[in-house]
């Protein structure tokens, strides 16, 4: 079975690295990350993703821009907002999004 590919987009490098590490502890998931809008879009274009997870610190204008960019490239992409709160909440947010797929 292929791993679920997740793109994590955030602004704080330490938090993004922590989120990626937590995601990658699940053997069924694989996370990549981006800290800027340009990097997020180029990463999204370079490989298929099942899910995009927005972390904190993304400005409203960037949030809208990225959502539009991702959806225009893959109308079926699922985008979720991670609000923090630890690994249990993160896993729940991802699992809830995957159930909707």
N, C-alpha and C. Protein backbone atom coordinates (compact mmCIF):
# COMPACT_ATOMS: atom_id res chain seq x y z
N UNK A 1 0.84 -1.18 0.00
CA UNK A 1 0.00 0.00 0.00
C UNK A 1 0.89 1.25 0.00
N UNK A 2 0.55 2.20 -0.84
CA UNK A 2 1.30 3.44 -0.89
C UNK A 2 1.04 4.29 0.34
N UNK A 3 2.06 5.02 0.73
CA UNK A 3 1.89 5.93 1.87
C UNK A 3 1.06 7.13 1.47
N UNK A 4 0.34 7.69 2.42
CA UNK A 4 -0.39 8.93 2.22
C UNK A 4 0.65 10.05 2.22
N UNK A 5 0.66 10.84 1.15
CA UNK A 5 1.62 11.93 1.00
C UNK A 5 1.00 13.23 1.50
N UNK A 6 1.68 13.87 2.44
CA UNK A 6 1.16 15.08 3.09
C UNK A 6 2.17 16.20 2.94
N UNK A 7 1.71 17.33 2.45
CA UNK A 7 2.55 18.53 2.37
C UNK A 7 2.19 19.43 3.55
N UNK A 8 3.18 19.73 4.37
CA UNK A 8 3.01 20.60 5.53
C UNK A 8 3.54 21.98 5.15
N UNK A 9 2.69 22.99 5.26
CA UNK A 9 3.09 24.36 4.95
C UNK A 9 2.96 25.18 6.23
N UNK A 10 4.03 25.85 6.59
CA UNK A 10 4.03 26.69 7.78
C UNK A 10 5.13 27.73 7.69
N UNK A 11 5.21 28.56 8.68
CA UNK A 11 6.20 29.63 8.66
C UNK A 11 7.31 29.46 9.69
N UNK A 12 7.02 28.75 10.76
CA UNK A 12 8.01 28.58 11.81
C UNK A 12 8.77 27.27 11.57
N UNK A 13 10.08 27.35 11.26
CA UNK A 13 10.83 26.14 10.90
C UNK A 13 10.81 25.06 11.98
N UNK A 14 10.92 25.45 13.24
CA UNK A 14 10.95 24.46 14.31
C UNK A 14 9.60 23.74 14.45
N UNK A 15 8.53 24.49 14.35
CA UNK A 15 7.20 23.88 14.46
C UNK A 15 6.93 22.98 13.26
N UNK A 16 7.29 23.44 12.08
CA UNK A 16 7.08 22.63 10.88
C UNK A 16 7.87 21.33 10.98
N UNK A 17 9.11 21.40 11.42
CA UNK A 17 9.92 20.19 11.56
C UNK A 17 9.29 19.22 12.57
N UNK A 18 8.75 19.76 13.64
CA UNK A 18 8.09 18.91 14.65
C UNK A 18 6.86 18.23 14.05
N UNK A 19 6.06 18.98 13.33
CA UNK A 19 4.86 18.42 12.71
C UNK A 19 5.25 17.32 11.71
N UNK A 20 6.26 17.59 10.90
CA UNK A 20 6.73 16.59 9.93
C UNK A 20 7.21 15.33 10.66
N UNK A 21 7.97 15.51 11.71
CA UNK A 21 8.47 14.36 12.48
C UNK A 21 7.31 13.55 13.05
N UNK A 22 6.30 14.23 13.60
CA UNK A 22 5.14 13.54 14.16
C UNK A 22 4.36 12.78 13.08
N UNK A 23 4.18 13.40 11.94
CA UNK A 23 3.47 12.74 10.84
C UNK A 23 4.24 11.50 10.40
N UNK A 24 5.55 11.63 10.29
CA UNK A 24 6.36 10.52 9.79
C UNK A 24 6.51 9.37 10.78
N UNK A 25 6.03 9.54 12.01
CA UNK A 25 6.04 8.41 12.94
C UNK A 25 4.95 7.40 12.58
N UNK A 26 3.96 7.83 11.81
CA UNK A 26 2.93 6.90 11.34
C UNK A 26 3.46 6.21 10.08
N UNK A 27 3.60 4.90 10.10
CA UNK A 27 4.18 4.20 8.94
C UNK A 27 3.37 4.32 7.66
N UNK A 28 2.13 4.76 7.75
CA UNK A 28 1.28 4.89 6.56
C UNK A 28 1.35 6.29 5.95
N UNK A 29 2.06 7.21 6.60
CA UNK A 29 2.11 8.60 6.15
C UNK A 29 3.53 9.01 5.83
N UNK A 30 3.66 9.97 4.90
CA UNK A 30 4.95 10.57 4.59
C UNK A 30 4.74 12.07 4.38
N UNK A 31 5.53 12.87 5.08
CA UNK A 31 5.37 14.32 5.00
C UNK A 31 6.56 14.99 4.35
N UNK A 32 6.26 15.99 3.55
CA UNK A 32 7.23 16.95 3.03
C UNK A 32 6.81 18.29 3.59
N UNK A 33 7.69 19.30 3.50
CA UNK A 33 7.33 20.59 4.08
C UNK A 33 7.81 21.74 3.21
N UNK A 34 7.20 22.89 3.47
CA UNK A 34 7.58 24.14 2.80
C UNK A 34 7.33 25.29 3.75
N UNK A 35 8.24 26.26 3.71
CA UNK A 35 8.13 27.42 4.60
C UNK A 35 7.69 28.69 3.88
N UNK A 36 7.75 28.68 2.54
CA UNK A 36 7.34 29.86 1.77
C UNK A 36 6.27 29.45 0.75
N UNK A 37 5.56 30.43 0.25
CA UNK A 37 4.54 30.16 -0.76
C UNK A 37 5.16 29.55 -2.01
N UNK A 38 6.26 30.13 -2.50
CA UNK A 38 6.90 29.62 -3.72
C UNK A 38 7.37 28.18 -3.54
N UNK A 39 7.98 27.90 -2.39
CA UNK A 39 8.47 26.55 -2.13
C UNK A 39 7.29 25.58 -2.02
N UNK A 40 6.21 26.00 -1.40
CA UNK A 40 5.03 25.15 -1.27
C UNK A 40 4.47 24.78 -2.65
N UNK A 41 4.36 25.76 -3.51
CA UNK A 41 3.82 25.50 -4.85
C UNK A 41 4.76 24.62 -5.66
N UNK A 42 6.06 24.90 -5.62
CA UNK A 42 7.00 24.08 -6.40
C UNK A 42 7.05 22.64 -5.86
N UNK A 43 6.96 22.48 -4.56
CA UNK A 43 6.93 21.13 -3.98
C UNK A 43 5.66 20.41 -4.39
N UNK A 44 4.54 21.10 -4.34
CA UNK A 44 3.25 20.52 -4.73
C UNK A 44 3.27 20.07 -6.19
N UNK A 45 3.94 20.86 -7.03
CA UNK A 45 4.01 20.53 -8.45
C UNK A 45 4.99 19.39 -8.74
N UNK A 46 5.91 19.14 -7.83
CA UNK A 46 6.97 18.16 -8.09
C UNK A 46 6.59 16.73 -7.77
N UNK A 47 5.54 16.53 -6.99
CA UNK A 47 5.11 15.18 -6.63
C UNK A 47 3.64 15.20 -6.24
N UNK A 48 2.99 14.06 -6.31
CA UNK A 48 1.57 14.02 -5.94
C UNK A 48 1.39 14.01 -4.41
N UNK A 49 0.43 14.77 -3.94
CA UNK A 49 0.07 14.81 -2.53
C UNK A 49 -1.39 14.44 -2.37
N UNK A 50 -1.69 13.78 -1.26
CA UNK A 50 -3.05 13.42 -0.93
C UNK A 50 -3.72 14.47 -0.05
N UNK A 51 -2.87 15.23 0.66
CA UNK A 51 -3.37 16.15 1.68
C UNK A 51 -2.37 17.28 1.85
N UNK A 52 -2.89 18.48 2.06
CA UNK A 52 -2.05 19.63 2.42
C UNK A 52 -2.48 20.08 3.80
N UNK A 53 -1.51 20.27 4.67
CA UNK A 53 -1.78 20.70 6.04
C UNK A 53 -1.15 22.07 6.25
N UNK A 54 -1.97 23.05 6.59
CA UNK A 54 -1.48 24.38 6.89
C UNK A 54 -1.23 24.49 8.39
N UNK A 55 -0.03 24.91 8.74
CA UNK A 55 0.29 25.18 10.13
C UNK A 55 0.04 26.64 10.45
N UNK A 56 0.41 27.04 11.63
CA UNK A 56 0.20 28.42 12.06
C UNK A 56 1.13 29.39 11.36
N UNK A 57 0.73 30.65 11.42
CA UNK A 57 1.58 31.72 10.92
C UNK A 57 1.39 32.07 9.46
N UNK A 58 0.54 31.34 8.75
CA UNK A 58 0.32 31.68 7.35
C UNK A 58 -0.66 32.84 7.30
N UNK A 59 -0.23 33.90 6.66
CA UNK A 59 -1.03 35.10 6.57
C UNK A 59 -2.28 34.84 5.73
N UNK A 60 -3.39 35.56 6.02
CA UNK A 60 -4.63 35.33 5.28
C UNK A 60 -4.46 35.43 3.76
N UNK A 61 -3.68 36.38 3.28
CA UNK A 61 -3.47 36.51 1.83
C UNK A 61 -2.75 35.31 1.26
N UNK A 62 -1.77 34.80 1.98
CA UNK A 62 -1.04 33.61 1.54
C UNK A 62 -1.94 32.38 1.61
N UNK A 63 -2.73 32.29 2.65
CA UNK A 63 -3.65 31.17 2.79
C UNK A 63 -4.55 31.08 1.56
N UNK A 64 -5.18 32.19 1.19
CA UNK A 64 -6.07 32.21 0.03
C UNK A 64 -5.31 31.90 -1.26
N UNK A 65 -4.13 32.50 -1.42
CA UNK A 65 -3.31 32.29 -2.61
C UNK A 65 -2.93 30.82 -2.76
N UNK A 66 -2.46 30.22 -1.67
CA UNK A 66 -2.04 28.82 -1.72
C UNK A 66 -3.21 27.89 -1.98
N UNK A 67 -4.32 28.13 -1.30
CA UNK A 67 -5.50 27.28 -1.54
C UNK A 67 -5.89 27.31 -3.02
N UNK A 68 -5.93 28.49 -3.58
CA UNK A 68 -6.30 28.63 -4.98
C UNK A 68 -5.28 27.94 -5.89
N UNK A 69 -3.99 28.10 -5.58
CA UNK A 69 -2.94 27.48 -6.39
C UNK A 69 -3.02 25.96 -6.34
N UNK A 70 -3.22 25.41 -5.15
CA UNK A 70 -3.29 23.95 -5.02
C UNK A 70 -4.54 23.40 -5.70
N UNK A 71 -5.67 24.03 -5.49
CA UNK A 71 -6.92 23.55 -6.07
C UNK A 71 -6.91 23.68 -7.59
N UNK A 72 -6.28 24.73 -8.12
CA UNK A 72 -6.22 24.86 -9.58
C UNK A 72 -5.36 23.76 -10.19
N UNK A 73 -4.38 23.26 -9.45
CA UNK A 73 -3.52 22.18 -9.95
C UNK A 73 -4.12 20.80 -9.68
N UNK A 74 -4.90 20.69 -8.60
CA UNK A 74 -5.53 19.41 -8.26
C UNK A 74 -6.86 19.71 -7.56
N UNK A 75 -7.94 19.77 -8.31
CA UNK A 75 -9.23 20.14 -7.73
C UNK A 75 -9.70 19.21 -6.61
N UNK A 76 -9.15 18.00 -6.53
CA UNK A 76 -9.56 17.04 -5.51
C UNK A 76 -8.72 17.10 -4.24
N UNK A 77 -7.73 17.97 -4.20
CA UNK A 77 -6.83 18.01 -3.04
C UNK A 77 -7.60 18.42 -1.78
N UNK A 78 -7.27 17.78 -0.69
CA UNK A 78 -7.85 18.13 0.60
C UNK A 78 -6.86 19.01 1.35
N UNK A 79 -7.34 20.13 1.85
CA UNK A 79 -6.52 21.08 2.59
C UNK A 79 -7.11 21.23 3.98
N UNK A 80 -6.27 21.05 5.00
CA UNK A 80 -6.75 21.20 6.37
C UNK A 80 -5.86 22.19 7.11
N UNK A 81 -6.41 22.76 8.15
CA UNK A 81 -5.70 23.68 9.03
C UNK A 81 -5.35 22.95 10.32
N UNK A 82 -4.08 22.96 10.68
CA UNK A 82 -3.65 22.37 11.96
C UNK A 82 -3.53 23.49 12.97
N UNK A 83 -4.18 23.33 14.09
CA UNK A 83 -4.22 24.39 15.10
C UNK A 83 -3.28 24.15 16.27
N UNK A 84 -2.46 23.12 16.19
CA UNK A 84 -1.56 22.83 17.31
C UNK A 84 -2.28 21.95 18.32
N UNK A 85 -1.62 21.70 19.42
CA UNK A 85 -2.26 20.92 20.46
C UNK A 85 -1.70 19.53 20.64
N UNK A 86 -0.60 19.22 19.97
CA UNK A 86 0.04 17.94 20.22
C UNK A 86 -0.24 16.89 19.18
N UNK A 87 0.46 15.77 19.33
CA UNK A 87 0.42 14.72 18.33
C UNK A 87 -0.94 14.05 18.23
N UNK A 88 -1.67 13.94 19.33
CA UNK A 88 -2.98 13.31 19.29
C UNK A 88 -3.96 14.10 18.44
N UNK A 89 -3.97 15.41 18.61
CA UNK A 89 -4.85 16.26 17.81
C UNK A 89 -4.43 16.24 16.35
N UNK A 90 -3.14 16.28 16.10
CA UNK A 90 -2.64 16.24 14.72
C UNK A 90 -3.11 14.97 14.02
N UNK A 91 -2.93 13.84 14.66
CA UNK A 91 -3.36 12.57 14.07
C UNK A 91 -4.86 12.55 13.84
N UNK A 92 -5.62 13.09 14.77
CA UNK A 92 -7.08 13.14 14.62
C UNK A 92 -7.47 14.01 13.44
N UNK A 93 -6.84 15.18 13.31
CA UNK A 93 -7.14 16.08 12.19
C UNK A 93 -6.86 15.39 10.86
N UNK A 94 -5.74 14.71 10.77
CA UNK A 94 -5.38 14.02 9.53
C UNK A 94 -6.32 12.87 9.27
N UNK A 95 -6.59 12.06 10.27
CA UNK A 95 -7.49 10.92 10.07
C UNK A 95 -8.89 11.37 9.67
N UNK A 96 -9.38 12.45 10.25
CA UNK A 96 -10.71 12.96 9.88
C UNK A 96 -10.71 13.39 8.42
N UNK A 97 -9.66 14.06 7.98
CA UNK A 97 -9.57 14.49 6.58
C UNK A 97 -9.49 13.29 5.65
N UNK A 98 -8.73 12.27 6.05
CA UNK A 98 -8.58 11.09 5.20
C UNK A 98 -9.88 10.30 5.11
N UNK A 99 -10.68 10.30 6.16
CA UNK A 99 -11.98 9.63 6.11
C UNK A 99 -12.89 10.25 5.07
N UNK A 100 -12.74 11.53 4.84
CA UNK A 100 -13.58 12.24 3.87
C UNK A 100 -13.15 11.96 2.44
N UNK A 101 -11.92 11.45 2.28
CA UNK A 101 -11.45 11.11 0.93
C UNK A 101 -12.19 9.90 0.47
